[in-house]
Amino acid sequence: MGKIVLTCVLALVFGFGGAAGAVTVFQDSLRGPQGESGLTGPPGPEGPAGRDGADGVDGARGPAGKTGKAAKTEPTVLNLGIQGCTGRSVQVVTDVTVTAAQKIKLTKKDVCVVN
């Protein structure tokens, strides 16, 4: 406490130069403990990993829904024009040739189309 009073007296007597000189001479005794800086420090060590949660118990079964209406069914078209065809038989042009008399000759084949 006495050094603070002496610093104040020197500051009054010698002005700004006396205050600066007194602080320079007594700086170690005027300095207090380091306070909080306000800055965030480095992160601490990583803690242990947590445990996985367990699955919960299944809930009660919900109420049954409304009964639906029967769907309208359309009859399946069957054309057994080709042996073993369960779909529809269609004639398809498979080849085209031009004869010497400049006539077009088409070759057709039956094909089974299944929907």
N, C-alpha and C. Protein backbone atom coordinates (compact mmCIF):
# COMPACT_ATOMS: atom_id res chain seq x y z
N MET A 1 0.83 -1.19 0.00
CA MET A 1 0.00 0.00 0.00
C MET A 1 0.87 1.25 0.00
N GLY A 2 1.99 1.14 0.66
CA GLY A 2 2.88 2.30 0.74
C GLY A 2 3.46 2.67 -0.61
N LYS A 3 3.71 1.68 -1.47
CA LYS A 3 4.28 1.96 -2.78
C LYS A 3 3.27 2.68 -3.67
N ILE A 4 2.01 2.38 -3.49
CA ILE A 4 0.97 3.06 -4.28
C ILE A 4 0.90 4.53 -3.86
N VAL A 5 0.99 4.79 -2.54
CA VAL A 5 0.95 6.17 -2.05
C VAL A 5 2.18 6.94 -2.55
N LEU A 6 3.35 6.29 -2.53
CA LEU A 6 4.58 6.92 -3.02
C LEU A 6 4.47 7.25 -4.50
N THR A 7 3.86 6.35 -5.29
CA THR A 7 3.66 6.59 -6.72
C THR A 7 2.75 7.78 -6.94
N CYS A 8 1.72 7.89 -6.13
CA CYS A 8 0.79 9.03 -6.26
C CYS A 8 1.49 10.35 -5.89
N VAL A 9 2.31 10.33 -4.84
CA VAL A 9 3.02 11.54 -4.43
C VAL A 9 4.01 11.97 -5.51
N LEU A 10 4.75 11.02 -6.07
CA LEU A 10 5.69 11.34 -7.14
C LEU A 10 4.96 11.89 -8.36
N ALA A 11 3.78 11.35 -8.65
CA ALA A 11 2.99 11.85 -9.77
C ALA A 11 2.55 13.27 -9.53
N LEU A 12 2.19 13.63 -8.27
CA LEU A 12 1.77 14.99 -7.96
C LEU A 12 2.95 15.96 -8.02
N VAL A 13 4.09 15.50 -7.54
CA VAL A 13 5.24 16.39 -7.47
C VAL A 13 5.86 16.57 -8.86
N PHE A 14 6.11 15.49 -9.54
CA PHE A 14 6.83 15.57 -10.81
C PHE A 14 5.93 15.46 -12.05
N GLY A 15 4.65 15.34 -11.90
CA GLY A 15 3.72 15.29 -13.02
C GLY A 15 3.75 13.94 -13.73
N PHE A 16 3.56 14.03 -15.02
CA PHE A 16 3.47 12.81 -15.83
C PHE A 16 4.77 12.02 -15.81
N GLY A 17 5.92 12.68 -15.86
CA GLY A 17 7.23 12.01 -15.85
C GLY A 17 7.46 11.27 -14.54
N GLY A 18 7.05 11.82 -13.42
CA GLY A 18 7.21 11.17 -12.13
C GLY A 18 6.32 9.94 -12.02
N ALA A 19 5.10 10.04 -12.55
CA ALA A 19 4.20 8.89 -12.50
C ALA A 19 4.76 7.76 -13.36
N ALA A 20 5.27 8.09 -14.53
CA ALA A 20 5.83 7.05 -15.41
C ALA A 20 7.06 6.42 -14.77
N GLY A 21 7.91 7.21 -14.15
CA GLY A 21 9.10 6.67 -13.48
C GLY A 21 8.74 5.79 -12.30
N ALA A 22 7.73 6.20 -11.51
CA ALA A 22 7.34 5.40 -10.36
C ALA A 22 6.73 4.07 -10.79
N VAL A 23 5.94 4.11 -11.83
CA VAL A 23 5.33 2.85 -12.32
C VAL A 23 6.42 1.93 -12.87
N THR A 24 7.42 2.49 -13.52
CA THR A 24 8.51 1.68 -14.06
C THR A 24 9.30 1.03 -12.93
N VAL A 25 9.59 1.77 -11.87
CA VAL A 25 10.38 1.23 -10.75
C VAL A 25 9.58 0.20 -9.98
N PHE A 26 8.32 0.46 -9.72
CA PHE A 26 7.52 -0.43 -8.87
C PHE A 26 6.59 -1.37 -9.66
N GLN A 27 6.86 -1.62 -10.93
CA GLN A 27 5.92 -2.37 -11.74
C GLN A 27 5.69 -3.80 -11.23
N ASP A 28 6.73 -4.45 -10.67
CA ASP A 28 6.54 -5.82 -10.19
C ASP A 28 5.62 -5.86 -8.98
N SER A 29 5.73 -4.91 -8.11
CA SER A 29 4.89 -4.92 -6.91
C SER A 29 3.50 -4.38 -7.18
N LEU A 30 3.32 -3.61 -8.27
CA LEU A 30 1.99 -3.09 -8.59
C LEU A 30 1.15 -4.08 -9.40
N ARG A 31 1.82 -5.05 -9.97
CA ARG A 31 1.10 -6.02 -10.80
C ARG A 31 0.40 -7.04 -9.92
N GLY A 32 -0.86 -7.28 -10.21
CA GLY A 32 -1.64 -8.27 -9.47
C GLY A 32 -1.68 -9.60 -10.21
N PRO A 33 -2.44 -10.54 -9.72
CA PRO A 33 -2.54 -11.84 -10.39
C PRO A 33 -3.26 -11.71 -11.74
N GLN A 34 -2.93 -12.61 -12.66
CA GLN A 34 -3.55 -12.59 -13.99
C GLN A 34 -5.03 -12.94 -13.86
N GLY A 35 -5.86 -12.11 -14.43
CA GLY A 35 -7.29 -12.36 -14.40
C GLY A 35 -7.75 -13.14 -15.62
N GLU A 36 -9.07 -13.36 -15.70
CA GLU A 36 -9.65 -14.06 -16.84
C GLU A 36 -9.46 -13.21 -18.09
N SER A 37 -9.03 -13.84 -19.16
CA SER A 37 -8.79 -13.10 -20.40
C SER A 37 -10.06 -12.94 -21.23
N GLY A 38 -11.06 -13.79 -21.01
CA GLY A 38 -12.27 -13.73 -21.79
C GLY A 38 -12.19 -14.52 -23.08
N LEU A 39 -11.04 -15.07 -23.39
CA LEU A 39 -10.89 -15.87 -24.60
C LEU A 39 -11.18 -17.33 -24.30
N THR A 40 -11.70 -18.02 -25.29
CA THR A 40 -12.00 -19.44 -25.12
C THR A 40 -10.70 -20.22 -25.22
N GLY A 41 -10.50 -21.09 -24.28
CA GLY A 41 -9.29 -21.91 -24.25
C GLY A 41 -9.41 -23.09 -25.20
N PRO A 42 -8.36 -23.89 -25.30
CA PRO A 42 -8.39 -25.06 -26.18
C PRO A 42 -9.38 -26.09 -25.65
N PRO A 43 -9.91 -26.93 -26.54
CA PRO A 43 -10.87 -27.93 -26.07
C PRO A 43 -10.21 -28.96 -25.18
N GLY A 44 -10.97 -29.51 -24.27
CA GLY A 44 -10.47 -30.53 -23.37
C GLY A 44 -10.41 -31.89 -24.06
N PRO A 45 -9.99 -32.91 -23.35
CA PRO A 45 -9.90 -34.24 -23.95
C PRO A 45 -11.30 -34.77 -24.27
N GLU A 46 -11.36 -35.62 -25.29
CA GLU A 46 -12.65 -36.17 -25.71
C GLU A 46 -13.12 -37.19 -24.69
N GLY A 47 -14.38 -37.11 -24.35
CA GLY A 47 -14.95 -38.01 -23.36
C GLY A 47 -15.24 -39.39 -23.95
N PRO A 48 -15.64 -40.32 -23.11
CA PRO A 48 -15.95 -41.67 -23.60
C PRO A 48 -17.21 -41.65 -24.47
N ALA A 49 -17.25 -42.58 -25.42
CA ALA A 49 -18.40 -42.67 -26.33
C ALA A 49 -19.63 -43.13 -25.57
N GLY A 50 -20.78 -42.63 -25.98
CA GLY A 50 -22.03 -43.03 -25.34
C GLY A 50 -22.50 -44.39 -25.84
N ARG A 51 -23.47 -44.95 -25.17
CA ARG A 51 -24.02 -46.25 -25.57
C ARG A 51 -25.16 -46.05 -26.53
N ASP A 52 -25.32 -47.00 -27.46
CA ASP A 52 -26.45 -46.97 -28.38
C ASP A 52 -27.73 -47.25 -27.60
N GLY A 53 -28.80 -46.58 -28.04
CA GLY A 53 -30.09 -46.81 -27.40
C GLY A 53 -30.68 -48.14 -27.82
N ALA A 54 -31.58 -48.65 -27.04
CA ALA A 54 -32.25 -49.93 -27.33
C ALA A 54 -33.55 -49.64 -28.06
N ASP A 55 -33.97 -50.59 -28.92
CA ASP A 55 -35.25 -50.46 -29.60
C ASP A 55 -36.38 -50.51 -28.59
N GLY A 56 -37.39 -49.71 -28.84
CA GLY A 56 -38.55 -49.69 -27.96
C GLY A 56 -39.45 -50.89 -28.21
N VAL A 57 -40.44 -51.03 -27.37
CA VAL A 57 -41.41 -52.12 -27.47
C VAL A 57 -42.42 -51.76 -28.56
N ASP A 58 -42.82 -52.75 -29.37
CA ASP A 58 -43.82 -52.51 -30.40
C ASP A 58 -45.14 -52.09 -29.76
N GLY A 59 -45.81 -51.15 -30.44
CA GLY A 59 -47.10 -50.67 -29.94
C GLY A 59 -48.22 -51.66 -30.25
N ALA A 60 -49.40 -51.32 -29.75
CA ALA A 60 -50.57 -52.17 -29.99
C ALA A 60 -50.99 -52.07 -31.45
N ARG A 61 -51.59 -53.13 -31.97
CA ARG A 61 -52.03 -53.15 -33.36
C ARG A 61 -53.20 -52.19 -33.52
N GLY A 62 -53.21 -51.45 -34.61
CA GLY A 62 -54.27 -50.48 -34.87
C GLY A 62 -55.57 -51.16 -35.28
N PRO A 63 -56.65 -50.40 -35.33
CA PRO A 63 -57.93 -50.98 -35.72
C PRO A 63 -57.94 -51.34 -37.20
N ALA A 64 -58.76 -52.30 -37.55
CA ALA A 64 -58.86 -52.74 -38.95
C ALA A 64 -59.53 -51.65 -39.78
N GLY A 65 -59.11 -51.53 -41.03
CA GLY A 65 -59.68 -50.53 -41.92
C GLY A 65 -61.01 -51.00 -42.51
N LYS A 66 -61.62 -50.11 -43.30
CA LYS A 66 -62.89 -50.44 -43.93
C LYS A 66 -62.67 -51.49 -45.01
N THR A 67 -63.68 -52.31 -45.20
CA THR A 67 -63.61 -53.33 -46.24
C THR A 67 -63.74 -52.67 -47.60
N GLY A 68 -62.87 -53.05 -48.51
CA GLY A 68 -62.89 -52.46 -49.84
C GLY A 68 -63.92 -53.11 -50.74
N LYS A 69 -64.21 -52.45 -51.86
CA LYS A 69 -65.14 -52.99 -52.84
C LYS A 69 -64.38 -53.89 -53.80
N ALA A 70 -65.07 -54.89 -54.32
CA ALA A 70 -64.45 -55.81 -55.26
C ALA A 70 -64.15 -55.07 -56.57
N ALA A 71 -63.01 -55.32 -57.13
CA ALA A 71 -62.62 -54.68 -58.37
C ALA A 71 -63.36 -55.31 -59.54
N LYS A 72 -63.64 -54.48 -60.53
CA LYS A 72 -64.28 -55.00 -61.73
C LYS A 72 -63.21 -55.70 -62.56
N THR A 73 -63.52 -56.90 -62.97
CA THR A 73 -62.57 -57.64 -63.78
C THR A 73 -63.09 -57.74 -65.20
N GLU A 74 -62.22 -57.51 -66.15
CA GLU A 74 -62.58 -57.63 -67.54
C GLU A 74 -62.05 -58.97 -68.05
N PRO A 75 -62.80 -59.62 -68.91
CA PRO A 75 -62.36 -60.92 -69.41
C PRO A 75 -61.08 -60.76 -70.25
N THR A 76 -60.20 -61.72 -70.12
CA THR A 76 -58.96 -61.72 -70.87
C THR A 76 -59.24 -62.18 -72.30
N VAL A 77 -58.69 -61.44 -73.26
CA VAL A 77 -58.89 -61.78 -74.67
C VAL A 77 -57.93 -62.91 -75.02
N LEU A 78 -58.47 -64.02 -75.50
CA LEU A 78 -57.64 -65.14 -75.92
C LEU A 78 -57.92 -65.43 -77.39
N ASN A 79 -56.89 -65.44 -78.17
CA ASN A 79 -57.00 -65.79 -79.58
C ASN A 79 -56.01 -66.91 -79.81
N LEU A 80 -56.52 -68.10 -79.96
CA LEU A 80 -55.64 -69.26 -80.11
C LEU A 80 -55.36 -69.56 -81.57
N GLY A 81 -55.10 -68.49 -82.35
CA GLY A 81 -54.79 -68.67 -83.77
C GLY A 81 -53.46 -69.34 -83.99
N ILE A 82 -52.52 -69.21 -83.07
CA ILE A 82 -51.22 -69.89 -83.15
C ILE A 82 -51.22 -70.93 -82.04
N GLN A 83 -50.69 -72.06 -82.32
CA GLN A 83 -50.71 -73.14 -81.34
C GLN A 83 -49.93 -72.74 -80.09
N GLY A 84 -50.55 -72.82 -78.94
CA GLY A 84 -49.91 -72.51 -77.66
C GLY A 84 -49.88 -71.02 -77.34
N CYS A 85 -50.53 -70.15 -78.10
CA CYS A 85 -50.54 -68.71 -77.83
C CYS A 85 -51.64 -68.41 -76.83
N THR A 86 -51.29 -67.74 -75.74
CA THR A 86 -52.31 -67.38 -74.75
C THR A 86 -52.66 -65.91 -74.85
N GLY A 87 -52.14 -65.24 -75.87
CA GLY A 87 -52.44 -63.83 -76.06
C GLY A 87 -53.27 -63.63 -77.31
N ARG A 88 -52.85 -62.75 -78.18
CA ARG A 88 -53.56 -62.43 -79.41
C ARG A 88 -52.65 -62.71 -80.60
N SER A 89 -53.18 -63.35 -81.63
CA SER A 89 -52.40 -63.68 -82.81
C SER A 89 -52.49 -62.53 -83.80
N VAL A 90 -51.31 -62.07 -84.30
CA VAL A 90 -51.25 -60.94 -85.22
C VAL A 90 -50.36 -61.33 -86.38
N GLN A 91 -50.74 -60.92 -87.59
CA GLN A 91 -49.91 -61.15 -88.77
C GLN A 91 -48.97 -59.96 -88.94
N VAL A 92 -47.69 -60.23 -89.11
CA VAL A 92 -46.67 -59.19 -89.19
C VAL A 92 -45.87 -59.39 -90.48
N VAL A 93 -45.55 -58.30 -91.18
CA VAL A 93 -44.70 -58.37 -92.37
C VAL A 93 -43.27 -58.54 -91.90
N THR A 94 -42.62 -59.63 -92.34
CA THR A 94 -41.26 -59.90 -91.91
C THR A 94 -40.22 -59.67 -93.00
N ASP A 95 -40.65 -59.64 -94.27
CA ASP A 95 -39.67 -59.45 -95.35
C ASP A 95 -40.38 -58.82 -96.55
N VAL A 96 -39.65 -57.97 -97.28
CA VAL A 96 -40.17 -57.32 -98.48
C VAL A 96 -39.15 -57.54 -99.59
N THR A 97 -39.61 -58.03 -100.76
CA THR A 97 -38.72 -58.19 -101.92
C THR A 97 -39.37 -57.58 -103.14
N VAL A 98 -38.56 -57.12 -104.08
CA VAL A 98 -39.05 -56.57 -105.34
C VAL A 98 -38.72 -57.59 -106.43
N THR A 99 -39.75 -58.03 -107.17
CA THR A 99 -39.55 -59.02 -108.23
C THR A 99 -39.00 -58.36 -109.49
N ALA A 100 -38.63 -59.19 -110.48
CA ALA A 100 -38.09 -58.68 -111.75
C ALA A 100 -39.12 -57.88 -112.51
N ALA A 101 -40.39 -58.14 -112.29
CA ALA A 101 -41.46 -57.41 -112.98
C ALA A 101 -41.85 -56.16 -112.20
N GLN A 102 -40.99 -55.70 -111.26
CA GLN A 102 -41.22 -54.49 -110.46
C GLN A 102 -42.48 -54.59 -109.60
N LYS A 103 -42.72 -55.79 -109.04
CA LYS A 103 -43.83 -55.98 -108.12
C LYS A 103 -43.25 -56.24 -106.73
N ILE A 104 -43.98 -55.81 -105.71
CA ILE A 104 -43.54 -55.99 -104.32
C ILE A 104 -44.12 -57.30 -103.80
N LYS A 105 -43.26 -58.12 -103.19
CA LYS A 105 -43.68 -59.38 -102.60
C LYS A 105 -43.45 -59.29 -101.10
N LEU A 106 -44.55 -59.46 -100.31
CA LEU A 106 -44.47 -59.38 -98.85
C LEU A 106 -44.47 -60.79 -98.26
N THR A 107 -43.62 -61.00 -97.27
CA THR A 107 -43.62 -62.26 -96.52
C THR A 107 -44.21 -61.95 -95.16
N LYS A 108 -45.27 -62.69 -94.79
CA LYS A 108 -45.97 -62.44 -93.52
C LYS A 108 -45.77 -63.63 -92.60
N LYS A 109 -45.85 -63.36 -91.30
CA LYS A 109 -45.70 -64.41 -90.30
C LYS A 109 -46.65 -64.09 -89.15
N ASP A 110 -47.27 -65.15 -88.57
CA ASP A 110 -48.15 -64.98 -87.41
C ASP A 110 -47.28 -64.86 -86.15
N VAL A 111 -47.61 -63.87 -85.33
CA VAL A 111 -46.87 -63.62 -84.09
C VAL A 111 -47.88 -63.58 -82.96
N CYS A 112 -47.49 -64.11 -81.83
CA CYS A 112 -48.36 -64.12 -80.64
C CYS A 112 -48.00 -62.90 -79.77
N VAL A 113 -48.99 -62.08 -79.46
CA VAL A 113 -48.80 -60.90 -78.63
C VAL A 113 -49.49 -61.15 -77.30
N VAL A 114 -48.76 -61.09 -76.21
CA VAL A 114 -49.30 -61.34 -74.87
C VAL A 114 -49.34 -60.01 -74.14
N ASN A 115 -50.46 -59.67 -73.55
CA ASN A 115 -50.59 -58.43 -72.78
C ASN A 115 -50.02 -58.61 -71.41
